[in-house]
Amino acid sequence: MKITLHKPKKRVNRSMFGNISILIVLLLVAAFMLLPFIYSVVQAFKPMEEIFAYPPRFFVQNPTLENFSELWRISDSLWIPFSRYFFNTLFVTVVGIIASMALSTLAAFPLAKYDFPGNAAFSKLITMTLLFTGPVTALPQYIIVTKLGMFDTFWAVLLPTIGGPLNIFLIKNFLTQVPDSMLEAATLDGASKMKILTRICLPLVKPAMLTTLIFTFQAMWNSTGGNYIVSEDMKLLPTMMSQLSTGGIARTGVGAASSVLMILPSLIIFCLTQSKIVETMAYSGIKE
């Protein structure tokens, strides 16, 4: 009998050239993605003559804070004070974050750790709703908000975000990683379901909680509420910033300054929590 020995397969490692090539591609992609933000920042510090200079220059030659001071001067002369717009946005952002995280956690916990009639159907329904974008659901949301009598109220902005399926999906998939034996041991020790959720599960799903926080903050902070809010004293900060920047070509620099100020809070929070967001995205599809 002839015995054939199979040679072990050689492990393929990337060469130095391959690593450098991948690094160059990633740097090019990162530069391409950062280019719009860098351009907005540069435009915000350009004087008027450089904004309309020909041929155009990408970088600023004589940086100035004139656009920011002009933005503050215009906002200070409005009929409704700037502080009112800021308070409206801050209110819906804080309330939206707290309500969305609480509702998403309470909904994701039973879907992930308990078996009840309709569990699979609810889980599939949440996954299916992720396929619909904002423009697709805009008209049904408007009809629902109007029928519920929430038009021209903060509830019209809060309700669609609080009931968003993405946060439930992320937290649910992270909760599936918590061992069932740990929950069974806590139950035998007399812990209630709410105590199991708050004392055991939530500390183990911090990456998902921080991810839902940044997503909800970005959605609420940048929300204009233009489809639902018409009263001037109820309008949000992005709406006011947009109105200021649409006063003709003379306010091009003011528009760039307002864009930088609106992006800055989201950018800071993302930089502080980006490692947790990457961890959440790495595990969000496991056991689904």
Protein backbone atom coordinates (compact mmCIF):
# COMPACT_ATOMS: atom_id res chain seq x y z
CA MET A 1 0.00 0.00 0.00
CA LYS A 2 1.36 3.35 -1.05
CA ILE A 3 1.17 6.12 1.50
CA THR A 4 1.07 9.66 0.20
CA LEU A 5 2.20 12.43 2.45
CA HIS A 6 0.66 15.82 1.89
CA LYS A 7 2.95 18.75 2.37
CA PRO A 8 1.59 21.33 4.78
CA LYS A 9 0.37 24.46 3.07
CA LYS A 10 2.62 27.42 3.39
CA ARG A 11 1.21 30.31 5.32
CA VAL A 12 0.89 33.31 3.07
CA ASN A 13 2.12 36.52 4.63
CA ARG A 14 1.86 39.95 3.13
CA SER A 15 5.14 41.35 1.97
CA MET A 16 6.47 44.71 2.98
CA PHE A 17 5.37 46.06 -0.39
CA GLY A 18 1.82 44.78 0.21
CA ASN A 19 1.65 46.44 3.65
CA ILE A 20 2.90 49.72 2.23
CA SER A 21 0.40 49.54 -0.65
CA ILE A 22 -2.51 48.97 1.74
CA LEU A 23 -1.32 51.82 3.94
CA ILE A 24 -1.13 54.18 0.96
CA VAL A 25 -4.65 53.23 -0.17
CA LEU A 26 -6.05 53.76 3.33
CA LEU A 27 -4.32 57.14 3.59
CA LEU A 28 -5.77 58.20 0.25
CA VAL A 29 -9.28 57.14 1.31
CA ALA A 30 -8.89 58.96 4.65
CA ALA A 31 -7.67 62.11 2.88
CA PHE A 32 -10.61 61.95 0.45
CA MET A 33 -13.08 61.65 3.34
CA LEU A 34 -11.46 64.47 5.34
CA LEU A 35 -11.25 66.83 2.38
CA PRO A 36 -14.80 68.31 2.70
CA PHE A 37 -14.33 69.01 6.41
CA ILE A 38 -10.91 70.57 5.88
CA TYR A 39 -12.31 72.71 3.07
CA SER A 40 -15.14 73.97 5.31
CA VAL A 41 -12.69 74.88 8.07
CA VAL A 42 -10.43 76.69 5.62
CA GLN A 43 -13.37 78.59 4.11
CA ALA A 44 -14.49 79.67 7.58
CA PHE A 45 -11.18 81.47 8.17
CA LYS A 46 -10.89 83.07 4.74
CA PRO A 47 -11.55 86.80 4.25
CA MET A 48 -14.09 87.76 1.62
CA GLU A 49 -11.50 88.61 -1.04
CA GLU A 50 -9.92 85.15 -0.76
CA ILE A 51 -13.26 83.33 -0.92
CA PHE A 52 -13.98 84.84 -4.34
CA ALA A 53 -10.36 85.04 -5.54
CA TYR A 54 -9.57 83.79 -9.05
CA PRO A 55 -7.88 81.43 -9.56
CA PRO A 56 -9.26 79.93 -6.34
CA ARG A 57 -6.85 78.82 -3.62
CA PHE A 58 -7.52 75.87 -1.36
CA PHE A 59 -5.57 77.11 1.68
CA VAL A 60 -6.09 80.45 3.38
CA GLN A 61 -3.39 83.09 2.98
CA ASN A 62 -4.55 85.63 5.59
CA PRO A 63 -6.68 83.84 8.22
CA THR A 64 -9.29 85.91 10.00
CA LEU A 65 -12.10 85.52 12.54
CA GLU A 66 -14.29 87.99 10.68
CA ASN A 67 -16.75 85.32 9.54
CA PHE A 68 -17.33 84.13 13.12
CA SER A 69 -17.73 87.68 14.43
CA GLU A 70 -20.18 88.44 11.61
CA LEU A 71 -22.12 85.29 12.46
CA TRP A 72 -22.37 86.37 16.08
CA ARG A 73 -23.39 89.92 15.11
CA ILE A 74 -26.18 88.71 12.82
CA SER A 75 -27.48 86.15 15.32
CA ASP A 76 -27.47 88.80 18.07
CA SER A 77 -29.71 91.07 16.00
CA LEU A 78 -32.43 88.48 15.37
CA TRP A 79 -36.01 88.89 16.53
CA ILE A 80 -35.72 85.66 18.53
CA PRO A 81 -32.50 85.62 20.61
CA PHE A 82 -29.76 83.13 19.79
CA SER A 83 -30.05 81.60 23.27
CA ARG A 84 -33.60 80.45 22.47
CA TYR A 85 -32.52 78.50 19.38
CA PHE A 86 -29.63 77.00 21.33
CA PHE A 87 -31.90 75.99 24.22
CA ASN A 88 -34.37 74.33 21.83
CA THR A 89 -31.64 72.22 20.24
CA LEU A 90 -30.02 71.42 23.59
CA PHE A 91 -33.38 70.38 25.05
CA VAL A 92 -34.35 68.00 22.23
CA THR A 93 -30.79 66.59 22.16
CA VAL A 94 -30.62 65.80 25.89
CA VAL A 95 -34.18 64.48 26.10
CA GLY A 96 -33.74 62.51 22.88
CA ILE A 97 -30.54 60.83 24.10
CA ILE A 98 -31.98 59.86 27.49
CA ALA A 99 -35.31 58.63 26.12
CA SER A 100 -33.80 56.81 23.16
CA MET A 101 -31.18 54.95 25.21
CA ALA A 102 -33.72 54.00 27.89
CA LEU A 103 -36.35 52.78 25.41
CA SER A 104 -33.80 50.97 23.23
CA THR A 105 -32.31 49.15 26.22
CA LEU A 106 -35.69 48.12 27.63
CA ALA A 107 -36.77 46.84 24.19
CA ALA A 108 -33.49 45.08 23.33
CA PHE A 109 -33.12 43.23 26.65
CA PRO A 110 -36.14 40.88 26.35
CA LEU A 111 -35.55 40.40 22.62
CA ALA A 112 -31.98 39.26 23.26
CA LYS A 113 -32.28 37.21 26.46
CA TYR A 114 -35.83 35.88 26.74
CA ASP A 115 -37.98 33.63 24.58
CA PHE A 116 -41.59 34.73 24.20
CA PRO A 117 -44.24 34.49 21.46
CA GLY A 118 -43.40 36.90 18.67
CA ASN A 119 -39.74 37.34 19.58
CA ALA A 120 -38.46 36.24 16.17
CA ALA A 121 -41.08 38.32 14.36
CA PHE A 122 -40.19 41.47 16.30
CA SER A 123 -36.46 40.89 15.70
CA LYS A 124 -36.99 40.49 11.96
CA LEU A 125 -39.23 43.56 11.87
CA ILE A 126 -36.51 45.66 13.50
CA THR A 127 -33.94 44.38 11.01
CA MET A 128 -36.26 45.08 8.07
CA THR A 129 -36.89 48.68 9.16
CA LEU A 130 -33.16 49.37 8.82
CA LEU A 131 -33.60 49.04 5.06
CA PHE A 132 -35.75 52.19 4.85
CA THR A 133 -34.04 55.56 4.60
CA GLY A 134 -35.30 58.88 5.92
CA PRO A 135 -36.84 60.16 2.65
CA VAL A 136 -38.88 56.95 2.32
CA THR A 137 -40.45 57.32 5.77
CA ALA A 138 -40.79 61.12 5.70
CA LEU A 139 -44.37 61.18 4.42
CA PRO A 140 -45.73 58.46 6.77
CA GLN A 141 -44.01 60.18 9.70
CA TYR A 142 -45.59 63.50 8.75
CA ILE A 143 -49.05 61.92 8.57
CA ILE A 144 -48.61 60.17 11.94
CA VAL A 145 -47.27 63.31 13.65
CA THR A 146 -50.17 65.37 12.27
CA LYS A 147 -52.82 62.82 13.25
CA LEU A 148 -51.41 62.64 16.80
CA GLY A 149 -51.59 66.42 17.17
CA MET A 150 -47.83 66.81 17.57
CA PHE A 151 -47.31 69.23 14.71
CA ASP A 152 -45.28 72.31 15.72
CA THR A 153 -44.12 70.67 18.97
CA PHE A 154 -40.84 69.15 20.10
CA TRP A 155 -42.52 65.73 20.11
CA ALA A 156 -42.56 65.84 16.31
CA VAL A 157 -38.75 65.87 16.37
CA LEU A 158 -38.26 63.55 19.35
CA LEU A 159 -40.69 60.73 18.53
CA PRO A 160 -39.09 59.44 15.27
CA THR A 161 -35.63 59.42 16.88
CA ILE A 162 -36.70 57.84 20.16
CA GLY A 163 -38.35 54.96 18.30
CA GLY A 164 -35.45 54.44 15.90
CA PRO A 165 -34.62 50.76 15.23
CA LEU A 166 -30.84 51.13 14.84
CA ASN A 167 -30.19 51.60 18.56
CA ILE A 168 -32.32 48.58 19.44
CA PHE A 169 -30.50 46.51 16.82
CA LEU A 170 -27.04 47.41 18.13
CA ILE A 171 -27.82 46.92 21.81
CA LYS A 172 -29.69 43.67 21.15
CA ASN A 173 -26.77 42.15 19.26
CA PHE A 174 -24.38 43.11 22.03
CA LEU A 175 -26.68 41.67 24.71
CA THR A 176 -26.63 38.31 22.94
CA GLN A 177 -22.93 38.08 23.87
CA VAL A 178 -23.77 38.09 27.60
CA PRO A 179 -23.70 34.44 28.85
CA ASP A 180 -27.10 33.07 29.83
CA SER A 181 -25.49 31.24 32.75
CA MET A 182 -24.63 34.60 34.32
CA LEU A 183 -28.25 35.69 34.16
CA GLU A 184 -29.46 32.34 35.52
CA ALA A 185 -27.08 32.60 38.47
CA ALA A 186 -28.33 36.11 39.24
CA THR A 187 -31.94 34.88 39.06
CA LEU A 188 -31.18 32.08 41.52
CA ASP A 189 -29.69 34.66 43.86
CA GLY A 190 -33.01 36.51 43.84
CA ALA A 191 -32.17 39.36 41.46
CA SER A 192 -35.07 40.90 39.58
CA LYS A 193 -35.05 41.34 35.82
CA MET A 194 -34.49 45.10 36.18
CA LYS A 195 -31.54 44.53 38.51
CA ILE A 196 -30.08 41.96 36.09
CA LEU A 197 -30.35 44.53 33.32
CA THR A 198 -28.85 47.44 35.25
CA ARG A 199 -26.23 45.63 37.36
CA ILE A 200 -25.04 42.90 34.97
CA CYS A 201 -25.96 43.58 31.35
CA LEU A 202 -25.48 47.33 31.00
CA PRO A 203 -21.87 47.36 32.30
CA LEU A 204 -21.02 44.66 29.73
CA VAL A 205 -22.53 46.54 26.77
CA LYS A 206 -20.90 49.94 27.28
CA PRO A 207 -19.52 50.05 23.70
CA ALA A 208 -23.03 49.69 22.28
CA MET A 209 -24.41 52.29 24.70
CA LEU A 210 -21.74 54.83 23.72
CA THR A 211 -22.40 54.11 20.05
CA THR A 212 -26.12 54.77 20.46
CA LEU A 213 -25.24 57.95 22.34
CA ILE A 214 -23.13 59.38 19.50
CA PHE A 215 -25.64 58.33 16.83
CA THR A 216 -28.55 59.86 18.74
CA PHE A 217 -26.58 63.01 19.52
CA GLN A 218 -25.68 63.48 15.88
CA ALA A 219 -29.28 62.95 14.76
CA MET A 220 -30.77 65.33 17.33
CA TRP A 221 -28.07 68.01 17.21
CA ASN A 222 -28.30 68.27 13.42
CA SER A 223 -32.09 67.98 13.28
CA THR A 224 -33.82 70.99 11.75
CA GLY A 225 -37.41 69.96 12.36
CA GLY A 226 -38.26 71.91 9.23
CA ASN A 227 -41.11 69.60 8.23
CA TYR A 228 -42.89 69.85 11.57
CA ILE A 229 -41.94 73.11 13.35
CA VAL A 230 -43.10 76.46 11.94
CA SER A 231 -43.22 78.73 15.01
CA GLU A 232 -40.11 80.87 15.15
CA ASP A 233 -39.60 80.48 18.91
CA MET A 234 -39.76 76.68 18.52
CA LYS A 235 -37.22 76.38 15.71
CA LEU A 236 -33.90 74.64 16.28
CA LEU A 237 -30.34 75.90 15.98
CA PRO A 238 -29.53 74.26 12.60
CA THR A 239 -32.56 76.00 11.08
CA MET A 240 -31.38 79.38 12.34
CA MET A 241 -27.83 78.73 11.09
CA SER A 242 -29.20 77.74 7.70
CA GLN A 243 -31.30 80.91 7.47
CA LEU A 244 -28.28 83.06 8.30
CA SER A 245 -26.10 81.45 5.63
CA THR A 246 -28.69 81.86 2.84
CA GLY A 247 -28.50 85.65 2.67
CA GLY A 248 -26.66 85.78 -0.66
CA ILE A 249 -23.03 85.38 -1.70
CA ALA A 250 -21.97 87.98 0.87
CA ARG A 251 -22.66 85.42 3.60
CA THR A 252 -20.62 82.59 2.08
CA GLY A 253 -18.02 82.88 4.84
CA VAL A 254 -20.75 83.08 7.48
CA GLY A 255 -22.23 79.85 6.13
CA ALA A 256 -18.85 78.11 6.36
CA ALA A 257 -18.39 79.38 9.94
CA SER A 258 -21.84 78.11 10.96
CA SER A 259 -21.09 74.70 9.41
CA VAL A 260 -17.87 74.39 11.43
CA LEU A 261 -19.63 75.32 14.67
CA MET A 262 -22.38 72.75 14.06
CA ILE A 263 -19.94 69.96 13.18
CA LEU A 264 -17.54 70.61 16.07
CA PRO A 265 -19.58 69.05 18.96
CA SER A 266 -20.26 65.84 16.99
CA LEU A 267 -16.59 65.62 16.00
CA ILE A 268 -15.41 65.99 19.59
CA ILE A 269 -17.78 63.31 20.90
CA PHE A 270 -16.83 60.96 18.06
CA CYS A 271 -13.10 61.37 18.76
CA LEU A 272 -13.69 60.55 22.43
CA THR A 273 -15.75 57.43 21.70
CA GLN A 274 -14.50 56.19 18.32
CA SER A 275 -12.80 53.07 19.74
CA LYS A 276 -16.10 51.92 21.27
CA ILE A 277 -17.95 52.58 18.01
CA VAL A 278 -15.48 50.40 16.09
CA GLU A 279 -15.89 47.64 18.68
CA THR A 280 -19.67 47.81 18.39
CA MET A 281 -19.59 47.59 14.61
CA ALA A 282 -17.25 44.60 14.81
CA TYR A 283 -19.73 42.61 16.92
CA SER A 284 -23.07 44.00 15.76
CA GLY A 285 -23.75 41.15 13.31
CA ILE A 286 -22.79 38.17 15.49
CA LYS A 287 -25.53 35.65 16.22
CA GLU A 288 -28.12 37.62 14.34
